[in-house]
Amino acid sequence: MASKNQEIKQRKRQAKLARRKQKQAREAQLIRREKAAAISTYSGKRYNQEPFVEALFHAEIGIFEADVCMEGRLTDAGVRQALEYTIRGMRQGQLTLNHWQIGEEDGLDKNSLIVWGIGNRWRLLFEDQPGHSRNDLIGILRRIMYSIDVWTSKHSGGRGYLKYIAGQMSKLGVSCMSIPEAEAKKLSIAVD
């Protein structure tokens, strides 16, 4: 009888170990899928040099302008989220320089201003000169994501990267200010 109880316990233990092993396999598969879906940063020097530096600069101006328009309420994490959205949209063909439509239905709210700012800056830049390939533009955005990782603080609401680009823009003489809608109309600036 003792051996029968031991046999039952052994079967229960084996079943429990099999369930645990299946659960670990599912979790490992989920982690692999998340890693595959994640957008990695680019830490190389390629996009910091000619011919990409101007496109990189214009993308950062677009981010800087969005931050000014939002009166400093953007965070580094929000910028990163907007860049990931932009990269996914470009990879899927939903965002191109000719079709850069975004809106609140995209779930980005204030971060959609970042996406729009980058696209608008690139569209203006490439009106008079040849543009870069989609992969190179994505590489530039991934390079900015790396810069965010370098400059951001690890606590929630960090603005290290945004403060860094504000300082760089100031050094380069780039300024931006938000104006009220009524004043924009007086100046004949189109307001959506």
C-alpha atoms as a PDB file:
ATOM      1  CA  MET A   1       0.000   0.000   0.000  1.00  0.00           C
ATOM      2  CA  ALA A   2       2.855   2.357   0.782  1.00  0.00           C
ATOM      3  CA  SER A   3       4.300   1.816  -2.662  1.00  0.00           C
ATOM      4  CA  LYS A   4       0.937   2.596  -4.258  1.00  0.00           C
ATOM      5  CA  ASN A   5       0.782   5.935  -2.384  1.00  0.00           C
ATOM      6  CA  GLN A   6       4.340   6.684  -3.435  1.00  0.00           C
ATOM      7  CA  GLU A   7       3.426   5.868  -7.024  1.00  0.00           C
ATOM      8  CA  ILE A   8       0.423   8.249  -6.900  1.00  0.00           C
ATOM      9  CA  LYS A   9       2.585  11.000  -5.381  1.00  0.00           C
ATOM     10  CA  GLN A  10       5.220  10.413  -8.057  1.00  0.00           C
ATOM     11  CA  ARG A  11       2.620  10.760 -10.862  1.00  0.00           C
ATOM     12  CA  LYS A  12       1.240  13.953  -9.313  1.00  0.00           C
ATOM     13  CA  ARG A  13       4.746  15.348  -9.033  1.00  0.00           C
ATOM     14  CA  GLN A  14       5.535  14.485 -12.667  1.00  0.00           C
ATOM     15  CA  ALA A  15       2.268  16.106 -13.812  1.00  0.00           C
ATOM     16  CA  LYS A  16       3.065  19.200 -11.788  1.00  0.00           C
ATOM     17  CA  LEU A  17       6.587  19.381 -13.264  1.00  0.00           C
ATOM     18  CA  ALA A  18       5.171  18.928 -16.776  1.00  0.00           C
ATOM     19  CA  ARG A  19       2.704  21.808 -16.228  1.00  0.00           C
ATOM     20  CA  ARG A  20       5.494  23.999 -14.867  1.00  0.00           C
ATOM     21  CA  LYS A  21       7.683  23.174 -17.875  1.00  0.00           C
ATOM     22  CA  GLN A  22       4.839  24.039 -20.292  1.00  0.00           C
ATOM     23  CA  LYS A  23       4.240  27.345 -18.490  1.00  0.00           C
ATOM     24  CA  GLN A  24       7.948  28.225 -18.668  1.00  0.00           C
ATOM     25  CA  ALA A  25       7.992  27.372 -22.383  1.00  0.00           C
ATOM     26  CA  ARG A  26       4.965  29.656 -23.007  1.00  0.00           C
ATOM     27  CA  GLU A  27       6.601  32.481 -21.038  1.00  0.00           C
ATOM     28  CA  ALA A  28       9.887  32.056 -22.911  1.00  0.00           C
ATOM     29  CA  GLN A  29       8.016  32.153 -26.232  1.00  0.00           C
ATOM     30  CA  LEU A  30       6.198  35.320 -25.167  1.00  0.00           C
ATOM     31  CA  ILE A  31       9.501  36.953 -24.205  1.00  0.00           C
ATOM     32  CA  ARG A  32      11.006  35.988 -27.587  1.00  0.00           C
ATOM     33  CA  ARG A  33       8.002  37.511 -29.391  1.00  0.00           C
ATOM     34  CA  GLU A  34       8.270  40.730 -27.364  1.00  0.00           C
ATOM     35  CA  LYS A  35      11.979  41.001 -28.128  1.00  0.00           C
ATOM     36  CA  ALA A  36      11.323  40.414 -31.830  1.00  0.00           C
ATOM     37  CA  ALA A  37       8.641  43.125 -31.848  1.00  0.00           C
ATOM     38  CA  ALA A  38      10.803  45.586 -29.894  1.00  0.00           C
ATOM     39  CA  ILE A  39      12.615  48.266 -31.817  1.00  0.00           C
ATOM     40  CA  SER A  40      16.273  48.315 -31.020  1.00  0.00           C
ATOM     41  CA  THR A  41      18.332  51.470 -30.830  1.00  0.00           C
ATOM     42  CA  TYR A  42      21.263  52.226 -33.117  1.00  0.00           C
ATOM     43  CA  SER A  43      24.450  53.240 -31.358  1.00  0.00           C
ATOM     44  CA  GLY A  44      26.767  53.449 -34.349  1.00  0.00           C
ATOM     45  CA  LYS A  45      28.211  56.614 -35.871  1.00  0.00           C
ATOM     46  CA  ARG A  46      26.769  56.271 -39.394  1.00  0.00           C
ATOM     47  CA  TYR A  47      23.797  58.615 -38.897  1.00  0.00           C
ATOM     48  CA  ASN A  48      25.884  61.258 -37.111  1.00  0.00           C
ATOM     49  CA  GLN A  49      27.847  61.914 -40.302  1.00  0.00           C
ATOM     50  CA  GLU A  50      27.203  63.239 -43.781  1.00  0.00           C
ATOM     51  CA  PRO A  51      24.895  62.774 -45.641  1.00  0.00           C
ATOM     52  CA  PHE A  52      22.512  62.007 -42.731  1.00  0.00           C
ATOM     53  CA  VAL A  53      23.368  64.712 -40.210  1.00  0.00           C
ATOM     54  CA  GLU A  54      20.990  67.272 -41.732  1.00  0.00           C
ATOM     55  CA  ALA A  55      18.033  64.856 -41.612  1.00  0.00           C
ATOM     56  CA  LEU A  56      18.954  63.955 -38.016  1.00  0.00           C
ATOM     57  CA  PHE A  57      19.091  67.643 -37.121  1.00  0.00           C
ATOM     58  CA  HIS A  58      15.689  68.320 -38.699  1.00  0.00           C
ATOM     59  CA  ALA A  59      14.117  65.381 -36.865  1.00  0.00           C
ATOM     60  CA  GLU A  60      15.424  66.777 -33.591  1.00  0.00           C
ATOM     61  CA  ILE A  61      14.081  70.227 -34.486  1.00  0.00           C
ATOM     62  CA  GLY A  62      10.672  68.600 -34.970  1.00  0.00           C
ATOM     63  CA  ILE A  63      10.942  67.037 -31.495  1.00  0.00           C
ATOM     64  CA  PHE A  64      12.116  70.347 -30.016  1.00  0.00           C
ATOM     65  CA  GLU A  65       9.203  72.230 -31.614  1.00  0.00           C
ATOM     66  CA  ALA A  66       6.719  69.689 -30.250  1.00  0.00           C
ATOM     67  CA  ASP A  67       8.169  70.148 -26.768  1.00  0.00           C
ATOM     68  CA  VAL A  68       7.881  73.935 -27.019  1.00  0.00           C
ATOM     69  CA  CYS A  69       4.286  73.678 -28.264  1.00  0.00           C
ATOM     70  CA  MET A  70       3.461  71.369 -25.347  1.00  0.00           C
ATOM     71  CA  GLU A  71       5.053  73.881 -22.963  1.00  0.00           C
ATOM     72  CA  GLY A  72       7.581  71.389 -21.641  1.00  0.00           C
ATOM     73  CA  ARG A  73       5.040  68.683 -20.792  1.00  0.00           C
ATOM     74  CA  LEU A  74       6.638  66.029 -22.985  1.00  0.00           C
ATOM     75  CA  THR A  75       8.818  63.335 -21.456  1.00  0.00           C
ATOM     76  CA  ASP A  76      11.670  61.317 -22.873  1.00  0.00           C
ATOM     77  CA  ALA A  77       9.479  58.196 -22.606  1.00  0.00           C
ATOM     78  CA  GLY A  78       6.775  59.925 -24.636  1.00  0.00           C
ATOM     79  CA  VAL A  79       9.290  60.884 -27.314  1.00  0.00           C
ATOM     80  CA  ARG A  80      10.521  57.290 -27.434  1.00  0.00           C
ATOM     81  CA  GLN A  81       6.942  56.024 -27.753  1.00  0.00           C
ATOM     82  CA  ALA A  82       6.301  58.442 -30.627  1.00  0.00           C
ATOM     83  CA  LEU A  83       9.519  57.350 -32.369  1.00  0.00           C
ATOM     84  CA  GLU A  84       8.570  53.676 -32.033  1.00  0.00           C
ATOM     85  CA  TYR A  85       5.129  54.465 -33.478  1.00  0.00           C
ATOM     86  CA  THR A  86       6.769  56.328 -36.363  1.00  0.00           C
ATOM     87  CA  ILE A  87       9.202  53.496 -37.094  1.00  0.00           C
ATOM     88  CA  ARG A  88       6.415  50.910 -37.089  1.00  0.00           C
ATOM     89  CA  GLY A  89       4.314  53.109 -39.359  1.00  0.00           C
ATOM     90  CA  MET A  90       7.201  53.574 -41.767  1.00  0.00           C
ATOM     91  CA  ARG A  91       8.020  49.857 -41.814  1.00  0.00           C
ATOM     92  CA  GLN A  92       4.375  49.014 -42.541  1.00  0.00           C
ATOM     93  CA  GLY A  93       4.136  51.697 -45.236  1.00  0.00           C
ATOM     94  CA  GLN A  94       1.508  53.692 -43.332  1.00  0.00           C
ATOM     95  CA  LEU A  95       3.788  56.710 -42.851  1.00  0.00           C
ATOM     96  CA  THR A  96       5.642  58.054 -45.865  1.00  0.00           C
ATOM     97  CA  LEU A  97       6.832  61.570 -46.581  1.00  0.00           C
ATOM     98  CA  ASN A  98       3.938  61.965 -49.030  1.00  0.00           C
ATOM     99  CA  HIS A  99       1.387  60.545 -46.606  1.00  0.00           C
ATOM    100  CA  TRP A 100       2.191  61.520 -43.039  1.00  0.00           C
ATOM    101  CA  GLN A 101      -1.304  61.737 -41.620  1.00  0.00           C
ATOM    102  CA  ILE A 102      -1.686  61.077 -37.917  1.00  0.00           C
ATOM    103  CA  GLY A 103      -4.340  61.947 -35.402  1.00  0.00           C
ATOM    104  CA  GLU A 104      -5.820  61.263 -32.006  1.00  0.00           C
ATOM    105  CA  GLU A 105      -7.359  58.035 -33.267  1.00  0.00           C
ATOM    106  CA  ASP A 106      -3.804  56.698 -33.457  1.00  0.00           C
ATOM    107  CA  GLY A 107      -3.672  56.729 -29.658  1.00  0.00           C
ATOM    108  CA  LEU A 108      -0.725  59.097 -29.431  1.00  0.00           C
ATOM    109  CA  ASP A 109      -2.486  62.282 -28.204  1.00  0.00           C
ATOM    110  CA  LYS A 110       0.227  64.854 -27.453  1.00  0.00           C
ATOM    111  CA  ASN A 111       2.949  62.587 -28.828  1.00  0.00           C
ATOM    112  CA  SER A 112       1.332  62.754 -32.277  1.00  0.00           C
ATOM    113  CA  LEU A 113       2.729  66.279 -32.410  1.00  0.00           C
ATOM    114  CA  ILE A 114       6.207  64.739 -32.302  1.00  0.00           C
ATOM    115  CA  VAL A 115       5.389  62.383 -35.171  1.00  0.00           C
ATOM    116  CA  TRP A 116       3.908  65.239 -37.188  1.00  0.00           C
ATOM    117  CA  GLY A 117       6.853  67.539 -36.375  1.00  0.00           C
ATOM    118  CA  ILE A 118       9.424  65.051 -37.630  1.00  0.00           C
ATOM    119  CA  GLY A 119       7.464  64.317 -40.801  1.00  0.00           C
ATOM    120  CA  ASN A 120       6.856  67.997 -41.483  1.00  0.00           C
ATOM    121  CA  ARG A 121      10.534  68.857 -40.990  1.00  0.00           C
ATOM    122  CA  TRP A 122      11.641  66.051 -43.295  1.00  0.00           C
ATOM    123  CA  ARG A 123       9.078  66.995 -45.928  1.00  0.00           C
ATOM    124  CA  LEU A 124      10.393  70.589 -45.933  1.00  0.00           C
ATOM    125  CA  LEU A 125      14.010  69.419 -46.008  1.00  0.00           C
ATOM    126  CA  PHE A 126      13.505  67.050 -48.932  1.00  0.00           C
ATOM    127  CA  GLU A 127      11.475  69.461 -51.087  1.00  0.00           C
ATOM    128  CA  ASP A 128      14.671  70.960 -52.501  1.00  0.00           C
ATOM    129  CA  GLN A 129      17.025  68.010 -52.303  1.00  0.00           C
ATOM    130  CA  PRO A 130      16.916  64.254 -52.700  1.00  0.00           C
ATOM    131  CA  GLY A 131      15.691  62.371 -49.661  1.00  0.00           C
ATOM    132  CA  HIS A 132      17.051  59.323 -47.919  1.00  0.00           C
ATOM    133  CA  SER A 133      15.726  55.803 -48.155  1.00  0.00           C
ATOM    134  CA  ARG A 134      13.065  54.619 -45.752  1.00  0.00           C
ATOM    135  CA  ASN A 135      15.626  52.400 -44.012  1.00  0.00           C
ATOM    136  CA  ASP A 136      18.005  55.320 -43.536  1.00  0.00           C
ATOM    137  CA  LEU A 137      15.229  57.483 -42.067  1.00  0.00           C
ATOM    138  CA  ILE A 138      14.348  54.640 -39.697  1.00  0.00           C
ATOM    139  CA  GLY A 139      18.054  54.377 -38.815  1.00  0.00           C
ATOM    140  CA  ILE A 140      18.064  58.079 -37.944  1.00  0.00           C
ATOM    141  CA  LEU A 141      15.072  57.616 -35.640  1.00  0.00           C
ATOM    142  CA  ARG A 142      16.743  54.598 -34.017  1.00  0.00           C
ATOM    143  CA  ARG A 143      19.841  56.758 -33.472  1.00  0.00           C
ATOM    144  CA  ILE A 144      17.672  59.348 -31.701  1.00  0.00           C
ATOM    145  CA  MET A 145      16.266  56.549 -29.524  1.00  0.00           C
ATOM    146  CA  TYR A 146      19.829  55.688 -28.531  1.00  0.00           C
ATOM    147  CA  SER A 147      20.428  59.327 -27.644  1.00  0.00           C
ATOM    148  CA  ILE A 148      17.305  59.255 -25.480  1.00  0.00           C
ATOM    149  CA  ASP A 149      18.683  56.214 -23.652  1.00  0.00           C
ATOM    150  CA  VAL A 150      21.952  58.051 -23.039  1.00  0.00           C
ATOM    151  CA  TRP A 151      20.467  61.346 -21.820  1.00  0.00           C
ATOM    152  CA  THR A 152      17.295  60.338 -20.004  1.00  0.00           C
ATOM    153  CA  SER A 153      17.060  59.756 -16.289  1.00  0.00           C
ATOM    154  CA  LYS A 154      15.699  56.441 -15.162  1.00  0.00           C
ATOM    155  CA  HIS A 155      12.785  57.815 -13.127  1.00  0.00           C
ATOM    156  CA  SER A 156       9.300  58.396 -14.504  1.00  0.00           C
ATOM    157  CA  GLY A 157       8.821  61.740 -16.192  1.00  0.00           C
ATOM    158  CA  GLY A 158      12.493  62.107 -17.147  1.00  0.00           C
ATOM    159  CA  ARG A 159      13.380  64.949 -19.505  1.00  0.00           C
ATOM    160  CA  GLY A 160      17.161  64.565 -19.820  1.00  0.00           C
ATOM    161  CA  TYR A 161      17.119  64.125 -23.599  1.00  0.00           C
ATOM    162  CA  LEU A 162      14.639  66.965 -24.117  1.00  0.00           C
ATOM    163  CA  LYS A 163      16.769  69.290 -21.976  1.00  0.00           C
ATOM    164  CA  TYR A 164      19.847  68.209 -23.928  1.00  0.00           C
ATOM    165  CA  ILE A 165      18.335  69.016 -27.343  1.00  0.00           C
ATOM    166  CA  ALA A 166      16.945  72.320 -26.020  1.00  0.00           C
ATOM    167  CA  GLY A 167      20.492  73.250 -25.005  1.00  0.00           C
ATOM    168  CA  GLN A 168      21.901  72.145 -28.353  1.00  0.00           C
ATOM    169  CA  MET A 169      19.254  74.103 -30.265  1.00  0.00           C
ATOM    170  CA  SER A 170      20.050  77.182 -28.197  1.00  0.00           C
ATOM    171  CA  LYS A 171      23.776  76.818 -28.948  1.00  0.00           C
ATOM    172  CA  LEU A 172      22.997  76.517 -32.667  1.00  0.00           C
ATOM    173  CA  GLY A 173      20.711  79.546 -32.627  1.00  0.00           C
ATOM    174  CA  VAL A 174      17.496  77.622 -33.220  1.00  0.00           C
ATOM    175  CA  SER A 175      14.566  79.100 -31.363  1.00  0.00           C
ATOM    176  CA  CYS A 176      10.908  78.311 -31.296  1.00  0.00           C
ATOM    177  CA  MET A 177       7.931  79.716 -29.482  1.00  0.00           C
ATOM    178  CA  SER A 178       4.293  78.865 -29.208  1.00  0.00           C
ATOM    179  CA  ILE A 179       1.854  81.614 -30.111  1.00  0.00           C
ATOM    180  CA  PRO A 180      -1.857  81.837 -29.323  1.00  0.00           C
ATOM    181  CA  GLU A 181      -4.303  80.960 -32.095  1.00  0.00           C
ATOM    182  CA  ALA A 182      -5.681  84.535 -32.262  1.00  0.00           C
ATOM    183  CA  GLU A 183      -2.208  85.958 -32.863  1.00  0.00           C
ATOM    184  CA  ALA A 184      -1.468  83.297 -35.479  1.00  0.00           C
ATOM    185  CA  LYS A 185      -4.580  84.407 -37.386  1.00  0.00           C
ATOM    186  CA  LYS A 186      -3.419  88.037 -37.239  1.00  0.00           C
ATOM    187  CA  LEU A 187      -0.095  86.980 -38.733  1.00  0.00           C
ATOM    188  CA  SER A 188      -1.938  84.977 -41.438  1.00  0.00           C
ATOM    189  CA  ILE A 189      -0.503  81.709 -40.210  1.00  0.00           C
ATOM    190  CA  ALA A 190      -2.714  78.753 -41.070  1.00  0.00           C
ATOM    191  CA  VAL A 191      -4.227  77.195 -37.965  1.00  0.00           C
ATOM    192  CA  ASP A 192      -5.833  73.773 -38.235  1.00  0.00           C
END
